[in-house]
Protein backbone atom coordinates (compact mmCIF):
# COMPACT_ATOMS: atom_id res chain seq x y z
CA MET A 1 8.51 -36.38 -5.79
CA GLN A 2 5.41 -34.39 -6.69
CA TYR A 3 5.29 -31.14 -8.68
CA ARG A 4 2.96 -28.13 -8.69
CA PRO A 5 2.75 -25.00 -10.86
CA LEU A 6 4.57 -21.97 -9.44
CA GLY A 7 1.75 -19.54 -10.08
CA LYS A 8 1.91 -18.02 -13.54
CA THR A 9 5.69 -18.30 -13.93
CA GLY A 10 5.40 -21.34 -16.19
CA PHE A 11 7.62 -23.34 -13.83
CA ASN A 12 6.51 -26.63 -12.31
CA VAL A 13 8.39 -27.01 -9.05
CA SER A 14 8.99 -29.90 -6.67
CA THR A 15 6.55 -29.62 -3.78
CA ILE A 16 9.50 -30.14 -1.46
CA SER A 17 12.17 -27.77 -2.69
CA PHE A 18 15.47 -26.58 -1.19
CA GLY A 19 16.09 -23.57 1.03
CA ALA A 20 19.76 -22.64 0.72
CA TRP A 21 20.21 -20.36 3.74
CA ALA A 22 21.76 -23.10 5.88
CA ILE A 23 24.52 -23.90 3.38
CA GLY A 24 25.37 -20.21 3.15
CA ALA A 25 25.61 -18.99 6.75
CA ASP A 26 23.90 -18.46 10.11
CA TRP A 27 23.25 -22.13 10.89
CA GLY A 28 26.67 -23.16 12.18
CA ASP A 29 29.57 -24.17 9.97
CA VAL A 30 28.96 -26.13 6.76
CA THR A 31 31.93 -27.19 4.66
CA GLU A 32 31.83 -26.73 0.90
CA GLU A 33 32.13 -30.50 0.48
CA SER A 34 29.10 -31.10 2.70
CA ALA A 35 27.11 -28.33 1.02
CA MET A 36 27.75 -29.72 -2.46
CA ALA A 37 26.93 -33.29 -1.40
CA THR A 38 23.64 -32.00 0.01
CA LEU A 39 22.80 -30.06 -3.15
CA HIS A 40 23.51 -33.10 -5.34
CA ALA A 41 21.36 -35.25 -3.05
CA ALA A 42 18.54 -32.78 -3.57
CA VAL A 43 18.72 -33.11 -7.35
CA ASP A 44 18.92 -36.89 -7.03
CA ALA A 45 15.70 -36.80 -4.97
CA GLY A 46 13.81 -34.95 -7.70
CA ILE A 47 14.12 -31.43 -6.24
CA ASN A 48 14.30 -28.88 -9.05
CA PHE A 49 13.76 -25.56 -7.21
CA PHE A 50 16.42 -23.88 -5.07
CA ASP A 51 15.78 -20.75 -3.03
CA THR A 52 18.76 -18.62 -2.06
CA ALA A 53 19.70 -14.97 -1.43
CA ASP A 54 22.60 -12.66 -2.08
CA VAL A 55 23.26 -12.29 1.66
CA TYR A 56 23.45 -15.99 2.51
CA GLY A 57 27.14 -16.22 3.32
CA ASN A 58 27.73 -12.96 1.41
CA GLY A 59 27.03 -14.70 -1.89
CA ARG A 60 28.42 -18.11 -0.92
CA SER A 61 25.06 -19.86 -1.27
CA GLU A 62 24.52 -18.44 -4.76
CA ARG A 63 28.02 -19.48 -5.83
CA LEU A 64 27.48 -23.03 -4.56
CA ILE A 65 24.30 -23.30 -6.61
CA ALA A 66 26.13 -21.99 -9.67
CA ARG A 67 28.64 -24.79 -9.15
CA LEU A 68 25.78 -27.30 -8.85
CA LYS A 69 24.36 -26.20 -12.20
CA LYS A 70 27.75 -26.71 -13.85
CA GLU A 71 28.14 -30.14 -12.26
CA ARG A 72 24.62 -31.27 -13.26
CA PRO A 73 24.29 -30.20 -16.91
CA GLY A 74 21.00 -31.15 -18.47
CA GLU A 75 19.10 -31.17 -15.16
CA GLU A 76 16.28 -28.70 -14.64
CA ILE A 77 17.49 -26.49 -11.81
CA ILE A 78 15.30 -23.44 -11.18
CA VAL A 79 16.91 -20.82 -8.96
CA ALA A 80 15.14 -18.16 -6.95
CA THR A 81 17.30 -15.57 -5.26
CA LYS A 82 16.50 -12.55 -3.10
CA ALA A 83 17.69 -8.96 -3.02
CA GLY A 84 17.57 -6.06 -0.60
CA ARG A 85 19.10 -7.24 2.65
CA ARG A 86 22.53 -5.99 1.59
CA LEU A 87 21.26 -2.50 2.38
CA ASN A 88 22.92 -1.00 5.44
CA PRO A 89 20.93 0.43 7.03
CA HIS A 90 18.08 -1.76 5.88
CA VAL A 91 15.52 0.99 5.34
CA ALA A 92 12.70 1.56 2.89
CA GLU A 93 14.50 4.44 1.17
CA GLY A 94 17.20 2.03 0.03
CA TYR A 95 14.74 0.05 -2.05
CA ASN A 96 15.12 1.96 -5.29
CA GLY A 97 15.87 1.09 -8.88
CA GLU A 98 19.58 1.89 -8.64
CA ASN A 99 20.26 -0.30 -5.61
CA ILE A 100 18.10 -3.21 -6.73
CA THR A 101 19.76 -3.18 -10.15
CA ALA A 102 23.20 -3.33 -8.49
CA PHE A 103 22.12 -6.25 -6.31
CA ILE A 104 20.75 -8.12 -9.30
CA GLU A 105 23.95 -7.56 -11.28
CA ARG A 106 25.91 -9.07 -8.39
CA SER A 107 23.59 -12.11 -8.25
CA LEU A 108 23.96 -12.58 -12.00
CA THR A 109 27.71 -12.79 -11.44
CA ASN A 110 27.46 -15.12 -8.44
CA LEU A 111 25.06 -17.45 -10.25
CA GLU A 112 27.04 -17.23 -13.50
CA THR A 113 24.01 -16.53 -15.65
CA ASP A 114 22.63 -13.84 -17.95
CA SER A 115 19.09 -13.94 -16.56
CA LEU A 116 17.75 -14.81 -13.10
CA ASP A 117 14.80 -17.21 -13.01
CA LEU A 118 13.12 -15.47 -10.08
CA VAL A 119 14.13 -12.50 -7.92
CA GLN A 120 12.34 -11.77 -4.66
CA LEU A 121 12.47 -8.65 -2.55
CA HIS A 122 14.02 -9.87 0.69
CA CYS A 123 11.64 -9.00 3.52
CA PRO A 124 11.75 -5.23 3.04
CA PRO A 125 10.11 -2.79 5.44
CA THR A 126 6.34 -2.60 5.04
CA GLU A 127 6.48 0.85 3.42
CA VAL A 128 8.26 -0.64 0.39
CA TYR A 129 5.05 -2.36 -0.69
CA TYR A 130 3.52 1.09 -1.12
CA ASN A 131 6.25 2.23 -3.54
CA PRO A 132 5.09 1.68 -7.14
CA GLU A 133 8.33 3.15 -8.52
CA LEU A 134 10.29 0.17 -7.19
CA PHE A 135 7.98 -2.32 -8.87
CA ALA A 136 8.22 -0.30 -12.08
CA ALA A 137 12.00 -0.67 -11.86
CA LEU A 138 11.59 -4.44 -11.54
CA ASP A 139 9.34 -4.37 -14.60
CA GLY A 140 12.17 -2.60 -16.42
CA LEU A 141 14.66 -5.30 -15.41
CA MET A 142 12.26 -7.92 -16.76
CA ALA A 143 12.01 -6.01 -20.03
CA GLN A 144 15.82 -5.98 -20.25
CA GLY A 145 15.94 -9.74 -19.70
CA LYS A 146 17.97 -9.47 -16.51
CA ILE A 147 15.22 -11.30 -14.61
CA LYS A 148 12.53 -13.65 -15.91
CA HIS A 149 10.11 -13.20 -13.01
CA TYR A 150 9.91 -11.42 -9.67
CA GLY A 151 8.14 -11.84 -6.39
CA VAL A 152 8.48 -10.98 -2.72
CA SER A 153 9.51 -12.59 0.54
CA VAL A 154 7.47 -11.17 3.38
CA GLU A 155 7.22 -11.15 7.15
CA LYS A 156 3.53 -10.24 7.44
CA VAL A 157 0.27 -11.28 5.83
CA GLU A 158 -0.48 -7.57 5.35
CA GLU A 159 2.62 -7.24 3.17
CA ALA A 160 1.69 -10.29 1.11
CA LEU A 161 -1.78 -8.95 0.42
CA LYS A 162 -0.40 -5.57 -0.61
CA ALA A 163 2.34 -7.05 -2.81
CA ILE A 164 -0.03 -9.07 -4.97
CA GLU A 165 -1.82 -5.88 -5.98
CA PHE A 166 1.14 -5.29 -8.34
CA PRO A 167 0.34 -7.25 -11.51
CA ASN A 168 3.84 -8.62 -12.15
CA VAL A 169 4.38 -9.97 -8.62
CA LYS A 170 4.17 -13.67 -9.42
CA THR A 171 5.28 -15.32 -6.19
CA VAL A 172 5.11 -14.73 -2.45
CA GLN A 173 7.40 -16.42 0.03
CA ILE A 174 5.87 -16.44 3.51
CA ILE A 175 6.41 -18.26 6.79
CA PHE A 176 3.85 -21.06 6.95
CA ASN A 177 4.06 -24.09 9.18
CA MET A 178 2.29 -25.78 12.10
CA PHE A 179 3.20 -22.75 14.22
CA ARG A 180 2.13 -20.08 11.71
CA LEU A 181 -1.38 -20.72 10.36
CA ARG A 182 -2.60 -17.20 9.66
CA PRO A 183 -1.64 -17.12 5.94
CA ALA A 184 -4.21 -19.85 5.26
CA GLU A 185 -7.10 -17.69 6.48
CA LEU A 186 -7.29 -14.91 3.87
CA PHE A 187 -4.04 -14.64 1.96
CA PHE A 188 -4.17 -18.11 0.38
CA ARG A 189 -7.62 -17.44 -1.03
CA GLU A 190 -6.55 -14.11 -2.52
CA ALA A 191 -3.36 -15.63 -3.93
CA VAL A 192 -5.23 -18.48 -5.61
CA ALA A 193 -7.63 -16.00 -7.20
CA LYS A 194 -4.66 -14.20 -8.78
CA ASN A 195 -2.66 -17.37 -9.57
CA ILE A 196 0.23 -16.42 -7.28
CA GLY A 197 2.90 -18.99 -6.51
CA ILE A 198 3.37 -19.54 -2.77
CA LEU A 199 6.67 -20.62 -1.24
CA ALA A 200 6.25 -21.83 2.35
CA ARG A 201 9.41 -20.78 4.14
CA VAL A 202 10.66 -21.70 7.62
CA PRO A 203 8.55 -24.86 7.18
CA LEU A 204 10.15 -26.64 10.15
CA ALA A 205 10.21 -23.59 12.47
CA SER A 206 14.02 -23.43 12.39
CA GLY A 207 14.21 -27.15 13.12
CA LEU A 208 11.93 -27.05 16.16
CA LEU A 209 9.31 -29.09 14.32
CA THR A 210 11.80 -31.90 13.67
CA GLY A 211 11.31 -32.94 17.31
CA LYS A 212 15.05 -33.27 17.76
CA PHE A 213 15.52 -30.43 20.27
CA GLY A 214 15.07 -30.34 24.02
CA LYS A 215 15.43 -27.90 26.88
CA ASP A 216 19.17 -28.51 27.01
CA SER A 217 19.89 -28.26 23.27
CA GLN A 218 22.80 -25.95 22.46
CA PHE A 219 23.33 -23.92 19.29
CA ALA A 220 26.60 -22.52 17.97
CA ALA A 221 27.43 -18.87 18.52
CA ASN A 222 27.07 -18.21 14.76
CA ASP A 223 23.65 -19.92 14.61
CA HIS A 224 20.67 -17.55 14.59
CA ARG A 225 18.84 -19.96 16.87
CA ASN A 226 21.32 -18.78 19.47
CA TYR A 227 21.80 -15.08 18.74
CA ASN A 228 18.40 -14.06 17.34
CA ARG A 229 15.93 -15.56 19.81
CA LYS A 230 14.86 -12.08 20.85
CA GLY A 231 15.17 -10.51 17.41
CA ASP A 232 18.54 -8.87 18.05
CA ALA A 233 19.79 -9.39 14.47
CA PHE A 234 16.61 -9.52 12.36
CA ASP A 235 12.88 -10.18 12.71
CA VAL A 236 12.33 -12.56 15.62
CA GLY A 237 9.71 -14.37 13.55
CA GLU A 238 12.53 -15.88 11.48
CA THR A 239 13.79 -17.83 14.50
CA PHE A 240 11.54 -20.66 15.71
CA SER A 241 8.73 -18.81 13.85
CA GLY A 242 8.59 -16.31 16.69
CA VAL A 243 7.38 -18.89 19.20
CA ASP A 244 8.91 -18.93 22.67
CA TYR A 245 11.30 -21.91 22.79
CA GLU A 246 9.73 -23.56 25.83
CA THR A 247 6.22 -23.17 24.40
CA GLY A 248 7.44 -24.59 21.10
CA LEU A 249 8.84 -27.68 22.79
CA GLN A 250 5.52 -28.29 24.54
CA ALA A 251 3.58 -27.90 21.28
CA VAL A 252 5.96 -30.25 19.45
CA GLN A 253 5.47 -32.89 22.14
CA GLU A 254 1.70 -32.72 21.67
CA ILE A 255 1.96 -32.73 17.86
CA GLU A 256 4.29 -35.72 17.96
CA ALA A 257 1.54 -37.79 19.58
CA LEU A 258 -0.46 -37.33 16.35
CA LYS A 259 2.33 -38.39 14.00
CA PRO A 260 1.82 -41.51 11.87
CA ALA A 261 4.25 -44.23 12.90
CA ASN A 262 5.92 -44.43 9.48
CA MET A 263 6.90 -40.74 9.30
CA THR A 264 9.57 -38.63 10.96
CA MET A 265 8.45 -35.43 12.64
CA ALA A 266 10.04 -33.40 9.84
CA GLN A 267 8.12 -35.40 7.24
CA PHE A 268 4.91 -34.96 9.22
CA ALA A 269 5.39 -31.19 9.41
CA LEU A 270 6.18 -30.93 5.69
CA ARG A 271 3.31 -33.19 4.62
CA TRP A 272 0.97 -31.01 6.71
CA ILE A 273 2.03 -27.97 4.64
CA LEU A 274 1.31 -29.80 1.38
CA MET A 275 -2.27 -30.42 2.52
CA PHE A 276 -2.88 -26.80 1.47
CA GLU A 277 -3.31 -26.78 -2.30
CA ALA A 278 -2.53 -23.06 -2.49
CA VAL A 279 1.09 -23.81 -1.56
CA SER A 280 3.37 -24.38 -4.54
CA CYS A 281 6.23 -25.75 -2.47
CA ALA A 282 7.84 -25.87 0.94
CA ILE A 283 11.51 -24.90 1.10
CA PRO A 284 13.18 -26.62 4.05
CA GLY A 285 16.90 -26.17 4.43
CA ALA A 286 19.40 -28.98 4.84
CA LYS A 287 23.10 -29.23 5.68
CA ARG A 288 23.59 -32.96 5.04
CA PRO A 289 22.43 -35.39 2.33
CA LEU A 290 20.39 -37.49 4.77
CA GLN A 291 18.41 -34.41 5.81
CA VAL A 292 17.45 -33.52 2.26
CA GLN A 293 16.55 -37.12 1.45
CA ASP A 294 14.31 -37.29 4.52
CA ASN A 295 12.65 -34.00 3.59
CA ALA A 296 12.10 -34.99 -0.04
CA ALA A 297 10.42 -38.26 0.91
CA SER A 298 7.62 -36.37 2.67
CA ALA A 299 6.12 -35.40 -0.72
CA ASP A 300 5.14 -38.99 -1.43
CA PHE A 301 3.21 -39.80 1.75
CA PRO A 302 -0.60 -40.04 1.51
CA PRO A 303 -2.77 -37.15 2.73
CA LEU A 304 -3.21 -36.63 6.45
CA SER A 305 -6.63 -37.36 7.92
CA PRO A 306 -9.16 -34.59 8.62
CA GLU A 307 -9.02 -35.58 12.29
CA THR A 308 -5.27 -35.01 12.37
CA MET A 309 -5.61 -31.61 10.73
CA ILE A 310 -8.25 -30.57 13.28
CA ALA A 311 -6.11 -31.76 16.18
CA ILE A 312 -3.10 -29.76 14.98
CA GLN A 313 -5.28 -26.67 14.66
CA ALA A 314 -6.42 -27.18 18.26
CA ILE A 315 -2.83 -27.36 19.54
CA TYR A 316 -2.01 -24.19 17.62
CA ASP A 317 -5.06 -22.39 18.98
CA GLN A 318 -4.26 -23.29 22.57
CA LEU A 319 -0.48 -22.87 22.74
CA VAL A 320 0.84 -20.92 19.78
CA ARG A 321 -1.86 -18.56 18.51
CA PRO A 322 -1.60 -16.10 21.45
CA GLN A 323 2.10 -15.51 20.69
CA VAL A 324 2.14 -15.18 16.91
CA HIS A 325 -1.24 -14.95 15.19
CA GLN A 326 -1.85 -11.22 15.16
CA ARG A 327 1.83 -10.25 15.13
CA TRP A 328 2.56 -11.46 11.63
């Protein structure tokens, strides 16, 4: 495993970290036994950074990570959670000091701690990034010791650029993968200049970039890859990175022809992300120990060739760019 600084937080995080949405909800059923075995496998593989949220399984994901910390005393386990999506309706007006404080208190309970390592606003409406009072409230929670650091999880590059204008925003979580290249154009440069930690989320495009799906693949009714393909439940960019499924399959087939023989497609997609030095870590999810072990191994492969990087860019430009580039 390799490690990189998480911006100016003082944390050094595993370049392949752990996204804990799948063990919480919305990715089909995952038993507690399977979830815990997967979390332990992550620690065994050198992963020290776990990204969760208060809405993943209505707190289930946070509680599983709290259990992990108790079962692995002495291990460095850095936990990032997210707040805001419990709002119903999920509107900008709900992002205020009172509500955020209540969400953070609940996460403190779920994670069985007195201070959260990192709290991220959970993909709020764009207007929230123009609300300095909310960020002042987060500053107050830092001063109280309730949170050590805070950042944002965003849908759009515009939101990321606006968020890092606030001096205490230390991290940005953004969709970045072979199907979503726009963050690398301007945002990465600005983030590096301000020493912002970058978490690359949806790194495998909801599993599409594993190369394991086909035209006839079926997803469970409670899997967002079934019910959110058109954005019926939340932003469509969260599901397959907003790429039409058929187009995504075609792009994956072309990308697979570039894959080194000794790597899986998932490892290839994750190693591609780590070619960008601005990225602190990628946060793929996993539901089984073998998945997390496969993901973690991608950190130790040698760099991809310039020719491979250019070829992937060309596939993106031809097939994917028209669908996603200007939308997010």
